[in-house]
Amino acid sequence: MRASVGDHLIQHGRVVGQHDHISEVVEVLGPEGGPPYRVRFPDGHEAVMSPGPDCEVRHVEHQTRDQ
């Protein structure tokens, strides 16, 4: 698993009725984009996570503007 700052980490619910938890990667603590990651949840809470098999990374395309 590889992530960059700004990507979203989605932790899927493990049981029926449990919602996915979506957080934003704010710091990559592992080598070459690997875990662990410092993430921020929509409510402002931050945590350090080492994602398991129930997680996926959604990469945000980093665009640059020509100025």
C-alpha atoms as a PDB file:
ATOM      1  CA  MET A   1       0.000   0.000   0.000  1.00  0.00           C
ATOM      2  CA  ARG A   2       1.338   3.398  -0.997  1.00  0.00           C
ATOM      3  CA  ALA A   3      -0.126   6.827  -0.242  1.00  0.00           C
ATOM      4  CA  SER A   4       0.781  10.496  -0.521  1.00  0.00           C
ATOM      5  CA  VAL A   5      -0.283  13.523   1.486  1.00  0.00           C
ATOM      6  CA  GLY A   6      -3.799  14.481   0.394  1.00  0.00           C
ATOM      7  CA  ASP A   7      -4.894  10.953  -0.552  1.00  0.00           C
ATOM      8  CA  HIS A   8      -7.940   9.460   1.146  1.00  0.00           C
ATOM      9  CA  LEU A   9      -7.768   6.346   3.296  1.00  0.00           C
ATOM     10  CA  ILE A  10     -11.038   4.407   3.297  1.00  0.00           C
ATOM     11  CA  GLN A  11     -11.606   1.856   6.049  1.00  0.00           C
ATOM     12  CA  HIS A  12     -14.523  -0.352   5.016  1.00  0.00           C
ATOM     13  CA  GLY A  13     -17.131  -1.446   7.542  1.00  0.00           C
ATOM     14  CA  ARG A  14     -16.644  -5.035   8.668  1.00  0.00           C
ATOM     15  CA  VAL A  15     -20.259  -5.874   9.452  1.00  0.00           C
ATOM     16  CA  VAL A  16     -23.589  -5.153   7.798  1.00  0.00           C
ATOM     17  CA  GLY A  17     -24.773  -1.648   8.620  1.00  0.00           C
ATOM     18  CA  GLN A  18     -21.351  -0.316   9.592  1.00  0.00           C
ATOM     19  CA  HIS A  19     -20.347   2.658   7.468  1.00  0.00           C
ATOM     20  CA  ASP A  20     -16.976   3.256   5.845  1.00  0.00           C
ATOM     21  CA  HIS A  21     -14.612   5.641   7.638  1.00  0.00           C
ATOM     22  CA  ILE A  22     -12.894   8.099   5.322  1.00  0.00           C
ATOM     23  CA  SER A  23      -9.840  10.089   6.373  1.00  0.00           C
ATOM     24  CA  GLU A  24      -7.253  12.248   4.639  1.00  0.00           C
ATOM     25  CA  VAL A  25      -3.551  11.411   4.761  1.00  0.00           C
ATOM     26  CA  VAL A  26      -1.770  14.409   6.314  1.00  0.00           C
ATOM     27  CA  GLU A  27       1.651  12.792   6.834  1.00  0.00           C
ATOM     28  CA  VAL A  28       3.373   9.672   5.520  1.00  0.00           C
ATOM     29  CA  LEU A  29       5.540   8.165   8.255  1.00  0.00           C
ATOM     30  CA  GLY A  30       6.800   5.061   6.432  1.00  0.00           C
ATOM     31  CA  PRO A  31       9.455   4.761   3.744  1.00  0.00           C
ATOM     32  CA  GLU A  32       8.537   5.356   0.082  1.00  0.00           C
ATOM     33  CA  GLY A  33       4.872   6.139   0.744  1.00  0.00           C
ATOM     34  CA  GLY A  34       4.254   3.097   2.936  1.00  0.00           C
ATOM     35  CA  PRO A  35       2.437   2.969   6.273  1.00  0.00           C
ATOM     36  CA  PRO A  36       2.016   4.138   8.933  1.00  0.00           C
ATOM     37  CA  TYR A  37       0.107   7.290   8.045  1.00  0.00           C
ATOM     38  CA  ARG A  38      -1.079  10.232  10.121  1.00  0.00           C
ATOM     39  CA  VAL A  39      -4.677  10.816   9.026  1.00  0.00           C
ATOM     40  CA  ARG A  40      -7.341  13.422   9.754  1.00  0.00           C
ATOM     41  CA  PHE A  41     -11.026  12.545   9.946  1.00  0.00           C
ATOM     42  CA  PRO A  42     -13.801  14.963   8.893  1.00  0.00           C
ATOM     43  CA  ASP A  43     -14.465  15.891  12.543  1.00  0.00           C
ATOM     44  CA  GLY A  44     -10.842  17.083  12.918  1.00  0.00           C
ATOM     45  CA  HIS A  45      -9.629  14.066  14.914  1.00  0.00           C
ATOM     46  CA  GLU A  46      -6.147  12.859  13.928  1.00  0.00           C
ATOM     47  CA  ALA A  47      -4.683   9.385  14.347  1.00  0.00           C
ATOM     48  CA  VAL A  48      -1.728   7.294  13.239  1.00  0.00           C
ATOM     49  CA  MET A  49      -2.893   4.280  11.242  1.00  0.00           C
ATOM     50  CA  SER A  50      -1.251   1.190   9.807  1.00  0.00           C
ATOM     51  CA  PRO A  51      -4.029   0.082   7.458  1.00  0.00           C
ATOM     52  CA  GLY A  52      -5.126  -3.535   7.285  1.00  0.00           C
ATOM     53  CA  PRO A  53      -6.808  -5.549   4.532  1.00  0.00           C
ATOM     54  CA  ASP A  54     -10.131  -3.737   5.106  1.00  0.00           C
ATOM     55  CA  CYS A  55      -8.607  -0.424   3.899  1.00  0.00           C
ATOM     56  CA  GLU A  56      -7.930   1.120   0.526  1.00  0.00           C
ATOM     57  CA  VAL A  57      -6.175   4.265  -0.639  1.00  0.00           C
ATOM     58  CA  ARG A  58      -7.926   6.559  -3.081  1.00  0.00           C
ATOM     59  CA  HIS A  59      -5.278   8.625  -4.759  1.00  0.00           C
ATOM     60  CA  VAL A  60      -6.058  12.262  -5.351  1.00  0.00           C
ATOM     61  CA  GLU A  61      -4.633  13.469  -8.613  1.00  0.00           C
ATOM     62  CA  HIS A  62      -2.142  16.194  -7.867  1.00  0.00           C
ATOM     63  CA  GLN A  63      -2.540  18.797 -10.594  1.00  0.00           C
ATOM     64  CA  THR A  64      -0.257  21.716 -11.288  1.00  0.00           C
ATOM     65  CA  ARG A  65      -1.398  24.828 -13.075  1.00  0.00           C
ATOM     66  CA  ASP A  66       0.634  26.556 -15.734  1.00  0.00           C
ATOM     67  CA  GLN A  67       1.050  30.167 -14.669  1.00  0.00           C
END
